[in-house]
Protein backbone atom coordinates (compact mmCIF):
# COMPACT_ATOMS: atom_id res chain seq x y z
CA MET A 1 2.71 13.02 14.88
CA ARG A 2 6.18 12.43 13.39
CA VAL A 3 7.17 14.26 10.20
CA GLN A 4 10.16 13.34 7.99
CA LYS A 5 11.22 15.21 4.86
CA HIS A 6 12.47 13.70 1.58
CA PHE A 7 11.85 10.23 2.94
CA ASP A 8 12.61 6.99 1.06
CA ILE A 9 9.62 4.64 1.35
CA GLN A 10 11.48 1.55 0.10
CA HIS A 11 10.72 -0.23 3.38
CA HIS A 12 7.10 0.92 3.34
CA ASN A 13 6.06 -0.88 0.13
CA THR A 14 6.11 -4.63 -0.41
CA PHE A 15 7.67 -4.37 -3.89
CA ARG A 16 10.67 -2.88 -2.06
CA VAL A 17 11.18 -0.24 -4.75
CA SER A 18 13.05 2.92 -3.77
CA ALA A 19 11.11 6.18 -4.08
CA HIS A 20 11.38 9.44 -2.15
CA VAL A 21 8.35 11.42 -0.96
CA ARG A 22 8.30 15.11 -0.07
CA TYR A 23 7.02 14.52 3.49
CA PHE A 24 6.26 11.32 5.40
CA VAL A 25 3.84 11.82 8.31
CA GLU A 26 3.17 9.03 10.81
CA ALA A 27 -0.22 9.45 12.53
CA GLU A 28 -0.52 7.45 15.76
CA LYS A 29 -3.85 8.84 17.00
CA GLU A 30 -7.02 10.07 15.33
CA GLU A 31 -6.34 13.77 15.95
CA ASP A 32 -3.01 13.48 14.09
CA VAL A 33 -4.84 12.85 10.81
CA PRO A 34 -6.59 16.23 10.38
CA SER A 35 -3.36 17.91 11.48
CA ALA A 36 -1.47 16.08 8.71
CA ILE A 37 -4.12 17.00 6.14
CA GLU A 38 -3.97 20.64 7.27
CA MET A 39 -0.17 20.58 6.93
CA ALA A 40 -0.44 19.31 3.35
CA GLU A 41 -2.99 21.99 2.52
CA HIS A 42 -0.77 24.69 4.03
CA LEU A 43 2.29 23.51 2.07
CA GLY A 44 0.30 23.09 -1.13
CA TYR A 45 1.05 19.40 -1.68
CA PRO A 46 -1.41 16.62 -2.47
CA ILE A 47 -1.84 13.90 0.14
CA MET A 48 -1.32 10.18 -0.26
CA VAL A 49 -2.31 7.53 2.27
CA LEU A 50 0.17 4.69 2.83
CA GLY A 51 -0.67 1.71 5.02
CA GLY A 52 1.40 -1.44 4.56
CA GLY A 53 2.22 -0.54 0.95
CA SER A 54 1.07 -3.99 -0.13
CA ASN A 55 -1.14 -2.96 -3.02
CA MET A 56 0.86 -0.36 -4.88
CA LEU A 57 3.59 0.07 -7.45
CA ILE A 58 5.51 3.33 -7.16
CA CYS A 59 7.05 4.33 -10.48
CA SER A 60 8.69 7.66 -9.54
CA ASP A 61 9.54 9.94 -6.64
CA LEU A 62 6.35 11.48 -5.26
CA ASN A 63 5.91 15.20 -4.63
CA ARG A 64 3.27 14.55 -1.95
CA VAL A 65 2.61 14.51 1.76
CA VAL A 66 2.35 10.81 2.59
CA ILE A 67 0.18 10.07 5.62
CA HIS A 68 0.90 6.74 7.32
CA PRO A 69 -2.04 5.96 9.67
CA ASN A 70 -0.46 3.83 12.39
CA LEU A 71 -3.47 3.76 14.73
CA GLN A 72 -3.52 0.59 16.81
CA GLY A 73 -6.00 -1.26 19.03
CA ILE A 74 -8.84 -3.79 18.83
CA LYS A 75 -12.08 -3.38 20.81
CA GLU A 76 -14.92 -5.90 21.04
CA HIS A 77 -18.64 -5.10 21.37
CA HIS A 78 -20.86 -8.13 22.02
CA TYR A 79 -24.50 -8.42 20.86
CA GLY A 80 -25.94 -11.89 21.40
CA THR A 81 -24.41 -14.24 18.83
CA GLU A 82 -22.57 -11.39 17.12
CA VAL A 83 -19.45 -9.45 18.01
CA ILE A 84 -18.49 -6.14 16.46
CA VAL A 85 -14.73 -5.61 16.38
CA GLU A 86 -13.52 -2.02 16.16
CA VAL A 87 -9.97 -1.98 14.79
CA GLY A 88 -7.35 0.73 14.30
CA ALA A 89 -6.25 1.38 10.73
CA GLY A 90 -2.61 0.52 11.51
CA VAL A 91 -3.30 -3.01 12.75
CA ASN A 92 -1.79 -5.71 10.52
CA TRP A 93 -4.62 -7.47 8.67
CA HIS A 94 -3.41 -11.04 9.20
CA GLN A 95 -2.81 -10.36 12.89
CA LEU A 96 -6.45 -9.25 13.12
CA VAL A 97 -7.55 -12.48 11.42
CA ARG A 98 -5.51 -14.53 13.90
CA TYR A 99 -6.95 -12.54 16.81
CA THR A 100 -10.53 -13.27 15.72
CA VAL A 101 -10.18 -16.95 14.79
CA GLU A 102 -8.32 -17.75 18.01
CA ARG A 103 -11.44 -16.52 19.83
CA GLY A 104 -13.69 -18.62 17.61
CA TYR A 105 -15.26 -15.65 15.82
CA GLY A 106 -16.30 -16.41 12.25
CA GLY A 107 -16.11 -14.11 9.24
CA LEU A 108 -12.47 -13.37 8.46
CA GLU A 109 -10.98 -16.85 8.20
CA ASN A 110 -11.10 -16.96 4.37
CA LEU A 111 -9.12 -13.70 4.31
CA ALA A 112 -6.09 -15.06 6.17
CA LEU A 113 -2.57 -14.06 5.12
CA ILE A 114 -3.66 -11.13 2.94
CA PRO A 115 -0.85 -8.58 3.34
CA GLY A 116 -1.42 -5.01 4.43
CA THR A 117 -3.21 -3.11 7.17
CA VAL A 118 -6.81 -2.91 8.32
CA GLY A 119 -7.08 0.67 7.05
CA ALA A 120 -6.31 -0.47 3.51
CA SER A 121 -8.89 -3.29 3.53
CA PRO A 122 -11.95 -1.18 2.58
CA VAL A 123 -9.99 0.75 -0.07
CA GLN A 124 -9.47 -2.46 -2.03
CA ASN A 125 -12.55 -4.31 -0.75
CA ILE A 126 -10.13 -7.17 -0.16
CA GLY A 127 -11.35 -10.66 -0.95
CA ALA A 128 -10.22 -14.26 -1.21
CA TYR A 129 -11.64 -17.78 -1.33
CA GLY A 130 -15.27 -16.73 -1.73
CA VAL A 131 -15.38 -13.90 0.84
CA GLU A 132 -15.00 -10.13 0.50
CA LEU A 133 -14.60 -7.47 3.16
CA LYS A 134 -18.03 -6.05 2.35
CA ASP A 135 -19.57 -9.31 3.63
CA VAL A 136 -18.60 -8.42 7.24
CA PHE A 137 -18.20 -4.65 7.02
CA VAL A 138 -20.23 -2.37 9.33
CA ASP A 139 -18.66 1.07 8.91
CA LEU A 140 -15.47 3.07 9.21
CA ILE A 141 -14.30 6.38 10.64
CA GLY A 142 -11.93 8.64 8.77
CA PHE A 143 -11.16 12.16 7.63
CA HIS A 144 -11.85 13.71 4.25
CA ARG A 145 -9.64 16.52 3.02
CA ASP A 146 -12.66 18.79 2.40
CA HIS A 147 -15.44 17.36 4.59
CA GLY A 148 -13.60 16.52 7.82
CA ARG A 149 -14.49 13.57 10.04
CA MET A 150 -16.88 11.08 8.47
CA VAL A 151 -18.55 7.80 9.43
CA MET A 152 -19.20 5.70 6.32
CA ASP A 153 -21.28 2.52 5.99
CA ALA A 154 -20.99 -0.02 3.17
CA GLY A 155 -23.31 1.92 0.89
CA ALA A 156 -21.26 5.09 1.24
CA CYS A 157 -18.08 3.11 0.52
CA ARG A 158 -19.51 1.90 -2.83
CA PHE A 159 -17.89 -1.49 -2.65
CA ALA A 160 -17.41 -3.42 -5.89
CA TYR A 161 -14.99 -6.10 -7.09
CA ARG A 162 -11.61 -4.93 -5.70
CA ASP A 163 -12.99 -1.40 -5.74
CA SER A 164 -14.50 1.33 -3.58
CA VAL A 165 -15.10 5.07 -3.46
CA PHE A 166 -11.58 5.39 -2.01
CA LYS A 167 -10.13 4.38 -5.37
CA GLY A 168 -12.51 6.76 -7.16
CA ASP A 169 -14.00 10.04 -5.96
CA PHE A 170 -12.22 9.90 -2.58
CA LYS A 171 -8.83 8.89 -3.98
CA ASP A 172 -6.01 10.85 -2.30
CA ALA A 173 -8.60 12.74 -0.26
CA PHE A 174 -9.56 10.37 2.58
CA VAL A 175 -7.69 8.75 5.46
CA VAL A 176 -9.22 5.73 7.24
CA CYS A 177 -8.70 5.78 11.03
CA SER A 178 -10.68 2.74 12.18
CA VAL A 179 -12.95 0.00 10.82
CA ARG A 180 -15.83 -1.93 12.40
CA LEU A 181 -16.59 -5.51 11.33
CA ARG A 182 -19.50 -7.81 12.25
CA LEU A 183 -18.41 -11.36 13.15
CA GLN A 184 -20.28 -14.43 14.35
CA LYS A 185 -19.73 -16.32 17.59
CA GLN A 186 -21.31 -19.41 16.03
CA ALA A 187 -19.28 -19.55 12.84
CA LYS A 188 -20.73 -20.88 9.58
CA LEU A 189 -17.67 -21.74 7.52
CA ASN A 190 -17.66 -20.86 3.82
CA LEU A 191 -15.99 -23.80 2.06
CA SER A 192 -17.58 -23.30 -1.34
CA TYR A 193 -14.54 -21.96 -3.21
CA ASP A 194 -13.10 -24.47 -5.71
CA ALA A 195 -9.50 -24.26 -4.46
CA LEU A 196 -10.67 -24.97 -0.90
CA GLN A 197 -12.79 -27.91 -2.02
CA ARG A 198 -9.88 -29.43 -3.97
CA GLU A 199 -7.55 -29.13 -0.99
CA ILE A 200 -10.17 -30.53 1.41
CA GLN A 201 -10.77 -33.53 -0.86
CA LYS A 202 -7.03 -34.12 -1.20
CA ARG A 203 -6.55 -34.05 2.58
CA ARG A 204 -9.82 -35.84 3.35
CA HIS A 205 -10.33 -33.48 6.24
CA GLU A 206 -12.80 -30.62 6.42
CA PRO A 207 -12.00 -27.64 8.68
CA LYS A 208 -14.27 -27.54 11.72
CA SER A 209 -13.42 -24.11 13.13
CA PRO A 210 -12.48 -20.62 11.91
CA ALA A 211 -8.90 -21.24 13.10
CA GLU A 212 -8.61 -24.50 11.10
CA LEU A 213 -9.97 -22.82 7.97
CA ALA A 214 -7.63 -19.83 8.41
CA ASP A 215 -4.70 -22.22 8.68
CA LEU A 216 -5.77 -24.02 5.50
CA VAL A 217 -6.17 -20.74 3.59
CA ALA A 218 -2.77 -19.55 4.81
CA GLU A 219 -1.16 -22.81 3.66
CA ILE A 220 -2.72 -22.56 0.20
CA ARG A 221 -1.74 -18.90 -0.18
CA GLY A 222 1.77 -19.59 1.08
CA SER A 223 2.24 -22.37 -1.47
CA LYS A 224 1.29 -20.08 -4.36
CA LEU A 225 2.41 -16.60 -3.37
CA PRO A 226 5.92 -15.41 -2.45
CA ASP A 227 6.62 -13.93 0.98
CA PRO A 228 7.23 -10.17 0.45
CA GLU A 229 9.81 -10.31 3.24
CA LEU A 230 11.88 -12.59 0.99
CA ILE A 231 11.07 -11.30 -2.51
CA GLY A 232 9.43 -7.99 -3.36
CA ASN A 233 5.85 -8.36 -4.64
CA ALA A 234 2.32 -7.06 -4.15
CA GLY A 235 0.44 -10.33 -4.47
CA SER A 236 -2.00 -10.49 -7.39
CA PHE A 237 -0.98 -7.73 -9.79
CA PHE A 238 -3.95 -7.94 -12.18
CA LYS A 239 -7.71 -8.20 -11.69
CA ASN A 240 -9.55 -11.19 -13.07
CA PRO A 241 -11.41 -9.86 -16.13
CA ILE A 242 -15.21 -9.72 -16.17
CA LEU A 243 -16.56 -10.73 -19.60
CA SER A 244 -19.96 -10.73 -21.20
CA ALA A 245 -21.44 -14.21 -21.63
CA GLY A 246 -21.16 -13.83 -25.40
CA GLN A 247 -17.50 -12.84 -25.32
CA TYR A 248 -16.65 -15.67 -22.93
CA ASN A 249 -18.54 -18.30 -24.95
CA ALA A 250 -16.79 -17.23 -28.15
CA LEU A 251 -13.38 -17.52 -26.47
CA LYS A 252 -14.33 -20.82 -24.82
CA ALA A 253 -15.10 -22.27 -28.24
CA GLU A 254 -11.59 -21.33 -29.39
CA PHE A 255 -9.84 -22.11 -26.09
CA PRO A 256 -11.75 -25.01 -24.43
CA ASP A 257 -9.64 -24.95 -21.25
CA MET A 258 -10.37 -21.28 -20.53
CA PRO A 259 -11.80 -21.02 -16.98
CA GLY A 260 -14.95 -19.05 -16.26
CA PHE A 261 -17.07 -18.37 -13.19
CA PRO A 262 -20.62 -16.96 -13.47
CA THR A 263 -21.31 -13.71 -11.59
CA ALA A 264 -24.53 -12.34 -10.11
CA SER A 265 -24.79 -9.87 -13.02
CA GLU A 266 -24.96 -12.69 -15.61
CA GLN A 267 -21.40 -11.98 -16.72
CA VAL A 268 -18.43 -14.34 -16.46
CA LYS A 269 -15.27 -13.82 -14.44
CA SER A 270 -12.27 -15.46 -16.07
CA SER A 271 -8.73 -16.01 -14.78
CA ALA A 272 -6.04 -13.41 -15.47
CA ALA A 273 -3.43 -15.92 -14.29
CA TRP A 274 -4.57 -18.43 -16.94
CA LEU A 275 -4.50 -15.79 -19.69
CA ILE A 276 -0.99 -14.65 -18.72
CA GLU A 277 0.32 -18.20 -18.47
CA GLN A 278 -1.06 -19.06 -21.92
CA CYS A 279 1.02 -16.19 -23.28
CA GLY A 280 4.18 -17.76 -21.85
CA TRP A 281 4.94 -15.25 -19.11
CA LYS A 282 5.12 -17.52 -16.06
CA GLY A 283 8.67 -17.32 -14.65
CA ALA A 284 9.79 -14.74 -17.24
CA ARG A 285 12.23 -11.93 -16.37
CA ARG A 286 13.21 -8.55 -17.70
CA GLY A 287 16.32 -7.87 -15.65
CA ASP A 288 15.25 -7.88 -11.98
CA ALA A 289 11.58 -7.42 -12.88
CA GLY A 290 9.87 -10.78 -13.27
CA VAL A 291 6.79 -12.98 -13.15
CA TYR A 292 6.70 -15.43 -10.25
CA ASP A 293 7.48 -18.98 -11.38
CA LYS A 294 4.69 -20.49 -9.24
CA HIS A 295 1.89 -18.03 -10.07
CA ALA A 296 1.60 -16.01 -13.28
CA LEU A 297 -0.57 -13.35 -11.61
CA VAL A 298 2.30 -12.18 -9.38
CA LEU A 299 5.02 -9.76 -10.51
CA VAL A 300 8.20 -9.83 -8.43
CA ASN A 301 11.24 -7.68 -7.78
CA HIS A 302 14.26 -9.99 -7.85
CA GLY A 303 16.47 -7.31 -6.36
CA ARG A 304 16.99 -3.89 -7.86
CA ALA A 305 14.04 -3.44 -10.21
CA SER A 306 12.53 0.04 -10.18
CA GLY A 307 8.82 0.70 -10.23
CA ALA A 308 9.20 1.83 -13.83
CA ASP A 309 10.89 -1.51 -14.69
CA LEU A 310 8.01 -3.46 -13.18
CA TRP A 311 5.38 -1.33 -14.93
CA SER A 312 7.17 -1.79 -18.26
CA LEU A 313 6.93 -5.56 -17.76
CA ALA A 314 3.26 -5.28 -16.77
CA THR A 315 2.57 -3.27 -19.92
CA GLU A 316 4.22 -5.95 -22.07
CA ILE A 317 2.10 -8.63 -20.42
CA ARG A 318 -1.14 -6.67 -20.89
CA GLN A 319 -0.40 -6.10 -24.56
CA SER A 320 0.38 -9.75 -25.25
CA VAL A 321 -2.85 -10.88 -23.55
CA PHE A 322 -4.81 -8.33 -25.56
CA GLU A 323 -3.24 -9.44 -28.84
CA ARG A 324 -4.06 -13.10 -28.22
CA PHE A 325 -7.44 -12.91 -26.45
CA ASN A 326 -8.72 -9.37 -27.16
CA ILE A 327 -8.93 -8.82 -23.37
CA MET A 328 -7.19 -5.88 -21.74
CA ILE A 329 -6.44 -7.01 -18.19
CA GLU A 330 -6.37 -4.22 -15.62
CA PRO A 331 -3.95 -3.82 -12.69
CA GLU A 332 -5.30 -4.63 -9.25
CA VAL A 333 -2.49 -2.66 -7.61
CA ASN A 334 -2.43 1.14 -7.51
CA VAL A 335 0.16 2.41 -9.98
CA LEU A 336 1.63 5.71 -8.73
CA ARG A 337 3.82 8.23 -10.48
CA ASP A 338 4.41 11.97 -10.48
CA ALA A 339 5.65 13.85 -13.54
C-alpha cells in the first residue's frame, strides 16, 4: 500500500482537471483496502474511491482519503458453454473486453472502448449499444466502511439505468476489489441497437464474432467521442432523460423530430444530445470549457479549464434545455466538490 499526501490527481481523471486530495492511497492487493479504510477512519477523513477517473468532474480540492484500487488479474472458471471471468478492480475495462472477445467469449463486445476500470463498471452500471453490465454480472467482492468484506450479487447492487447502490446508500463507503461476469462460449451477438443497424446496413457486412462486433463498436465510438488522452473529457456528461408517455407525446407534437425509445416501464427515453444540440450548444465554448463539436453530449477541457469552469458550462446547458423543453437533464458523471 502506497500513501501520498496532498496529491494532485490531474493525471487520475480523464477531464485532466487539477485538484489536490488530502491522501492518495494505492491498493494493490485485497488486504490493502481495509487498511486504507482504517487509516481514513483513524485520521477522521471521508473516503473516496478513484478508479480510472473517467466518470467524474472534480470541482475543488478534496479533503478526503482517496483509495485507488489497482488490483490486477483475470481468472477463468469454465462451466459447460459458460465461462465466469473473475477480474481485479484495477484492470482496464477495454483491455478486459479485448481479452474476452479474442477468446471468442460473448457478452462484453457491445461495451468496447468504454473508458475506466473494471471496479468502476458496477458503480455506473455501464452500458452501450443495447447492453448493460447487469446483463452479464454475477457478483463482486469489496469492503464496506462499516460492514467489512462483502460479496454482492446483482440484487444487492440495485442496478438501474446508469445507477447502483454505490451511487446511493454505499456512496463513499464501499471499495470494489473484484468483479465476476458470466460470458458465453457460443456467442449470440446483440445487433438490435439502431446505431449498429445503420452502420451494418451502410457497410453491408454483419459482424460474425464477438471480436468483429467489438471492433465495429469501437469504430463507432471513436468517430463520435474524443480520445481523453488527446482532449480532456468524461464521455457522455448527461443521462438521457426518461419521460412519461404523456410528456413525450406532447413534446413530440411540438417538436416532430424529437427522438424517443420506449422502455420496459411504459415510459420513453429521449436523447439528451438531441435536446442540447437543439439549444445550439454543439461546439460551443466558455474559455477552455466546451461542448465537443462532433457530439453535443460530451463536455471537453480544451486545456486549462477547471472543474468549476466545466460545471458552470454544464449548468448553463441544463438551464437552457429546461427553458425550451421543460426537461431538467441530469449529469451522468459524478460531480465532486468539498466546501
